[in-house]
Protein backbone atom coordinates (compact mmCIF):
# COMPACT_ATOMS: atom_id res chain seq x y z
CA MET A 1 -24.24 -7.60 -11.40
CA GLN A 2 -21.84 -4.68 -11.23
CA ALA A 3 -19.49 -3.33 -8.61
CA ILE A 4 -20.95 -0.46 -6.62
CA ASN A 5 -19.20 2.89 -6.55
CA THR A 6 -17.55 2.81 -3.13
CA SER A 7 -17.46 6.57 -2.88
CA ARG A 8 -21.25 6.75 -2.48
CA SER A 9 -23.47 5.77 0.41
CA VAL A 10 -25.62 2.75 -0.37
CA ALA A 11 -28.23 3.30 2.33
CA LEU A 12 -30.29 6.11 3.76
CA PRO A 13 -28.86 7.39 7.07
CA ASP A 14 -31.82 6.17 9.12
CA MET A 15 -31.31 2.65 7.76
CA GLN A 16 -27.62 2.43 8.63
CA ARG A 17 -26.62 0.26 11.55
CA ILE A 18 -22.83 0.27 11.04
CA ASP A 19 -21.11 3.31 9.53
CA VAL A 20 -17.35 3.18 8.91
CA ARG A 21 -15.67 6.42 7.82
CA GLY A 22 -12.10 6.81 6.60
CA LEU A 23 -10.71 4.02 8.76
CA CYS A 24 -6.92 3.66 8.87
CA LYS A 25 -4.64 1.46 10.97
CA THR A 26 -0.86 1.33 11.17
CA PHE A 27 0.90 -1.10 13.50
CA GLN A 28 4.42 -0.73 14.86
CA LEU A 29 6.36 -3.97 14.43
CA ALA A 30 10.03 -4.28 15.41
CA GLY A 31 10.46 -0.55 14.97
CA ALA A 32 8.83 -0.50 11.53
CA ALA A 33 5.46 0.98 10.60
CA ILE A 34 3.14 -1.57 8.98
CA GLU A 35 0.13 -0.02 7.27
CA ALA A 36 -2.67 -2.59 7.60
CA VAL A 37 -5.75 -0.57 6.58
CA ARG A 38 -5.98 2.57 4.44
CA ASP A 39 -9.02 4.86 4.20
CA VAL A 40 -11.79 2.26 4.45
CA SER A 41 -15.38 3.54 4.36
CA PHE A 42 -18.62 1.56 4.10
CA ASN A 43 -21.94 1.09 5.83
CA VAL A 44 -24.18 -1.83 6.70
CA ARG A 45 -27.95 -1.51 6.72
CA ARG A 46 -30.20 -2.78 9.49
CA GLY A 47 -30.82 -6.50 9.08
CA GLU A 48 -28.25 -6.82 6.29
CA PHE A 49 -25.70 -9.64 5.99
CA VAL A 50 -22.41 -8.29 4.64
CA ALA A 51 -19.22 -10.29 4.01
CA LEU A 52 -15.73 -8.77 4.13
CA LEU A 53 -13.73 -10.78 1.60
CA GLY A 54 -10.07 -10.62 0.72
CA PRO A 55 -6.72 -12.42 0.81
CA SER A 56 -4.90 -13.10 4.06
CA GLY A 57 -3.32 -9.95 5.47
CA SER A 58 -5.74 -7.59 3.70
CA GLY A 59 -6.98 -6.00 6.92
CA LYS A 60 -10.43 -7.62 7.10
CA SER A 61 -10.07 -8.87 10.66
CA THR A 62 -8.36 -5.65 11.70
CA VAL A 63 -11.37 -3.67 10.49
CA LEU A 64 -13.72 -6.03 12.31
CA ASN A 65 -11.68 -5.72 15.50
CA MET A 66 -11.76 -1.94 15.27
CA ILE A 67 -15.56 -2.06 14.92
CA ALA A 68 -15.62 -4.40 17.94
CA THR A 69 -13.47 -1.84 19.86
CA LEU A 70 -10.73 -4.46 20.37
CA VAL A 71 -8.24 -2.45 18.29
CA LYS A 72 -7.88 1.34 18.28
CA PRO A 73 -7.91 2.96 14.81
CA THR A 74 -5.03 5.19 13.82
CA SER A 75 -7.62 7.49 12.29
CA GLY A 76 -11.20 7.43 11.10
CA GLN A 77 -14.54 6.95 12.79
CA ILE A 78 -16.96 4.08 13.44
CA LEU A 79 -20.61 4.63 14.35
CA ILE A 80 -23.18 2.05 15.39
CA ASP A 81 -26.75 3.30 15.28
CA GLY A 82 -25.33 6.81 14.89
CA THR A 83 -23.20 6.67 18.04
CA PRO A 84 -19.37 6.64 17.81
CA VAL A 85 -17.79 3.53 19.31
CA VAL A 86 -15.13 3.95 21.98
CA PRO A 87 -11.97 1.79 21.68
CA GLY A 88 -11.67 -0.58 24.63
CA GLN A 89 -15.28 -0.04 25.69
CA ALA A 90 -17.92 -2.66 24.90
CA THR A 91 -20.71 -1.45 22.62
CA PRO A 92 -24.24 -2.43 23.72
CA ASN A 93 -26.13 -4.94 21.55
CA VAL A 94 -23.01 -6.07 19.66
CA GLY A 95 -21.91 -9.73 19.70
CA TYR A 96 -18.62 -11.21 18.45
CA VAL A 97 -17.91 -14.74 17.21
CA PHE A 98 -14.20 -15.56 17.04
CA GLN A 99 -12.23 -17.76 14.66
CA ARG A 100 -11.91 -20.39 17.40
CA ASP A 101 -14.84 -21.46 19.53
CA THR A 102 -13.26 -20.20 22.83
CA LEU A 103 -15.61 -22.34 24.93
CA PHE A 104 -14.68 -22.80 28.58
CA PRO A 105 -13.57 -26.45 28.85
CA TRP A 106 -14.64 -26.73 32.50
CA ARG A 107 -18.23 -25.67 31.78
CA THR A 108 -20.93 -27.78 30.16
CA VAL A 109 -22.39 -26.77 26.79
CA ALA A 110 -25.46 -25.34 28.52
CA ASP A 111 -23.34 -23.41 31.02
CA ASN A 112 -21.16 -22.06 28.22
CA ILE A 113 -24.18 -20.87 26.27
CA GLY A 114 -25.68 -19.26 29.36
CA TYR A 115 -22.50 -17.54 30.53
CA GLY A 116 -23.44 -14.10 29.19
CA LEU A 117 -26.91 -14.38 30.69
CA GLN A 118 -25.38 -15.27 34.05
CA LEU A 119 -23.11 -12.22 33.92
CA ALA A 120 -26.11 -10.06 33.06
CA GLY A 121 -27.99 -11.34 36.10
CA VAL A 122 -30.80 -12.99 34.14
CA PRO A 123 -32.98 -15.08 36.52
CA VAL A 124 -32.28 -18.81 36.54
CA ALA A 125 -35.68 -19.84 35.15
CA GLU A 126 -35.45 -17.45 32.21
CA ARG A 127 -31.83 -18.42 31.66
CA LYS A 128 -32.72 -22.11 31.37
CA GLU A 129 -35.55 -21.34 28.97
CA ARG A 130 -33.33 -19.30 26.66
CA ILE A 131 -30.50 -21.86 26.83
CA ASN A 132 -32.89 -24.68 25.89
CA ALA A 133 -34.23 -22.63 22.98
CA CYS A 134 -30.66 -22.12 21.73
CA LEU A 135 -29.80 -25.81 22.09
CA LYS A 136 -32.84 -26.60 19.95
CA GLN A 137 -31.99 -23.95 17.34
CA ALA A 138 -28.48 -25.34 16.98
CA GLY A 139 -29.51 -28.99 16.91
CA LEU A 140 -27.72 -29.63 20.21
CA GLN A 141 -30.62 -31.13 22.14
CA GLY A 142 -29.30 -33.81 24.45
CA PHE A 143 -25.83 -32.24 24.63
CA GLY A 144 -26.49 -29.54 27.21
CA ASN A 145 -24.68 -31.49 29.94
CA ALA A 146 -21.77 -32.47 27.70
CA TYR A 147 -18.36 -30.82 27.94
CA PRO A 148 -16.65 -29.17 24.92
CA ALA A 149 -13.91 -31.81 24.73
CA THR A 150 -16.52 -34.46 23.91
CA LEU A 151 -17.97 -32.55 20.93
CA SER A 152 -17.00 -32.43 17.26
CA GLY A 153 -15.61 -29.21 15.82
CA GLY A 154 -18.93 -28.33 14.21
CA MET A 155 -20.86 -28.91 17.42
CA ARG A 156 -18.42 -26.77 19.38
CA GLN A 157 -18.80 -23.96 16.88
CA ARG A 158 -22.60 -24.22 17.09
CA ALA A 159 -22.36 -23.88 20.87
CA ALA A 160 -20.04 -20.87 20.52
CA LEU A 161 -22.47 -19.24 18.09
CA MET A 162 -25.36 -19.82 20.49
CA ARG A 163 -23.35 -18.35 23.37
CA THR A 164 -23.22 -15.10 21.40
CA LEU A 165 -26.79 -15.20 20.12
CA VAL A 166 -28.43 -16.06 23.46
CA VAL A 167 -27.93 -12.48 24.66
CA GLU A 168 -29.83 -11.30 21.57
CA PRO A 169 -27.33 -8.89 20.00
CA GLN A 170 -28.65 -6.62 17.27
CA VAL A 171 -25.26 -6.58 15.54
CA LEU A 172 -23.24 -9.76 15.03
CA LEU A 173 -19.54 -9.57 14.14
CA MET A 174 -18.04 -12.85 12.91
CA ASP A 175 -14.33 -13.37 12.22
CA GLU A 176 -13.88 -16.44 9.99
CA PRO A 177 -15.82 -18.57 12.49
CA PHE A 178 -15.92 -21.65 10.25
CA GLY A 179 -12.41 -21.42 8.82
CA ALA A 180 -11.04 -24.40 10.79
CA LEU A 181 -13.90 -26.74 9.84
CA ASP A 182 -13.88 -29.34 7.07
CA THR A 183 -15.96 -28.61 3.97
CA HIS A 184 -18.97 -30.75 4.92
CA THR A 185 -19.16 -29.32 8.45
CA LYS A 186 -18.67 -25.79 7.16
CA ILE A 187 -21.61 -26.08 4.75
CA ASP A 188 -23.72 -27.52 7.57
CA MET A 189 -22.83 -24.49 9.69
CA HIS A 190 -23.80 -22.21 6.80
CA ASP A 191 -27.28 -23.71 6.87
CA VAL A 192 -27.49 -23.33 10.66
CA LEU A 193 -26.47 -19.67 10.44
CA LEU A 194 -28.81 -18.96 7.52
CA ARG A 195 -31.80 -20.42 9.37
CA ILE A 196 -31.05 -18.35 12.46
CA TRP A 197 -30.36 -15.12 10.58
CA GLU A 198 -33.42 -15.45 8.35
CA ARG A 199 -35.56 -15.74 11.49
CA GLU A 200 -33.84 -13.17 13.74
CA GLN A 201 -32.63 -10.64 11.10
CA GLN A 202 -29.60 -9.39 13.00
CA THR A 203 -27.17 -7.12 11.22
CA VAL A 204 -24.18 -9.34 10.40
CA LEU A 205 -20.63 -8.43 9.36
CA PHE A 206 -18.80 -11.63 8.43
CA VAL A 207 -15.07 -11.87 7.65
CA THR A 208 -13.91 -14.60 5.27
CA HIS A 209 -11.32 -15.37 2.60
CA ASP A 210 -13.64 -18.05 1.14
CA LEU A 211 -15.57 -16.72 -1.86
CA GLY A 212 -18.02 -19.63 -1.85
CA GLU A 213 -18.85 -18.92 1.79
CA ALA A 214 -19.40 -15.22 1.07
CA LEU A 215 -21.72 -15.96 -1.86
CA THR A 216 -23.71 -18.48 0.16
CA LEU A 217 -24.35 -16.18 3.11
CA ALA A 218 -24.19 -12.52 2.18
CA ASP A 219 -26.42 -9.83 0.70
CA ARG A 220 -23.31 -7.85 -0.26
CA ILE A 221 -19.63 -8.68 -0.53
CA ILE A 222 -17.06 -5.98 0.25
CA LEU A 223 -13.83 -6.96 -1.49
CA PHE A 224 -10.56 -5.85 0.13
CA SER A 225 -7.32 -5.29 -1.71
CA ALA A 226 -4.01 -6.78 -0.68
CA ARG A 227 -2.22 -4.88 2.11
CA PRO A 228 -2.68 -2.10 2.87
CA GLY A 229 -6.32 -3.09 2.93
CA ARG A 230 -8.62 -0.84 0.92
CA ILE A 231 -12.04 -1.44 -0.55
CA LYS A 232 -11.57 -2.56 -4.13
CA ASP A 233 -15.17 -3.43 -5.05
CA ILE A 234 -18.57 -3.97 -3.48
CA PHE A 235 -20.80 -6.63 -5.06
CA GLU A 236 -24.51 -7.24 -4.65
CA VAL A 237 -25.43 -10.92 -4.16
CA ASP A 238 -28.89 -11.30 -5.68
CA PHE A 239 -29.88 -14.83 -4.63
CA ALA A 240 -33.39 -15.06 -3.22
CA ARG A 241 -33.97 -15.93 0.43
CA PRO A 242 -34.41 -18.26 2.18
CA ARG A 243 -31.29 -19.98 0.89
CA ASN A 244 -30.02 -23.53 1.00
CA ALA A 245 -26.23 -23.74 1.31
CA VAL A 246 -25.99 -26.76 -1.02
CA LYS A 247 -28.65 -26.01 -3.62
CA ILE A 248 -27.44 -22.45 -4.15
CA ARG A 249 -24.07 -23.79 -5.33
CA GLU A 250 -25.76 -25.87 -8.02
CA THR A 251 -27.26 -22.88 -9.85
CA PRO A 252 -25.81 -21.29 -13.01
CA ARG A 253 -26.03 -17.89 -11.30
CA TYR A 254 -23.71 -19.05 -8.52
CA ALA A 255 -21.09 -20.06 -11.09
CA GLU A 256 -21.52 -16.75 -12.89
CA LEU A 257 -21.05 -14.65 -9.77
CA PHE A 258 -18.18 -16.81 -8.55
CA GLN A 259 -16.29 -16.28 -11.81
CA LEU A 260 -16.95 -12.54 -11.84
CA ILE A 261 -15.75 -11.93 -8.28
CA TRP A 262 -12.93 -14.48 -8.43
CA HIS A 263 -11.26 -12.55 -11.23
CA SER A 264 -11.02 -9.46 -9.03
CA LEU A 265 -10.14 -11.43 -5.88
CA GLY A 266 -7.48 -13.45 -7.71
CA GLU A 267 -5.64 -10.27 -8.64
CA GLU A 268 -5.36 -9.42 -4.94
CA PHE A 269 -4.12 -12.92 -4.02
CA ILE A 270 -1.33 -12.46 -6.56
CA LYS A 271 -0.45 -8.99 -5.21
CA GLY A 272 -0.45 -10.37 -1.67
CA ARG A 273 2.18 -12.96 -2.62
CA SER A 274 4.45 -10.41 -4.26
CA PRO A 275 7.52 -9.31 -2.24
């Protein structure tokens, strides 16, 4: 496996779902200019699972938030299905899963999952059917009437994932959604996400600083440098699908890829700690 030349397109235009061109972001903090992202360009093909990997502060989440229109770029352009996104304006068919589950504590699990459907005016009968299908997909049968406070962290995150997926987005943006979970629960969530993605084939852009997580989930890994965030390398992940989150880690190929990418990632962790 070799790094891909980041100056070249890796997909035909009609296959691209997300197209990021020359993205830059500078924040003003206490009167000082902080350059977070510098000249980032990449694309994501339809139905592809891509991980944005890098040390803390490398601009991964900032890039994701710009794609989600939550943060306005300083310069550059973002297109989804060939249409430029507008900062502050929701993009149709795009879902976002946050680092924290952000469930409404006063609503049941079923009501949380169905919230987007309710806002969209989906009829009650159809809403119940789609909510029940999501509860089954996530292994949450029997918990529809429970409240978030009564659930484990992993169960809450499953419910949050289903709340996004129930509206059937074609593009799924995920910002370290499993970062707060313990190792066992995180791997369980990897299997849940893999099963759903392998069936639904959404386009997924997944932010993480966990190399093992990126290798388990992604088709490609886009490696960010330390701040200001730039694309250092892009790696193909050539594991066959469907994947099992535990068994994949037992293979010699996993160890080989981990070592290869870790060398490059480790350099950025060191740079990120430098004054």
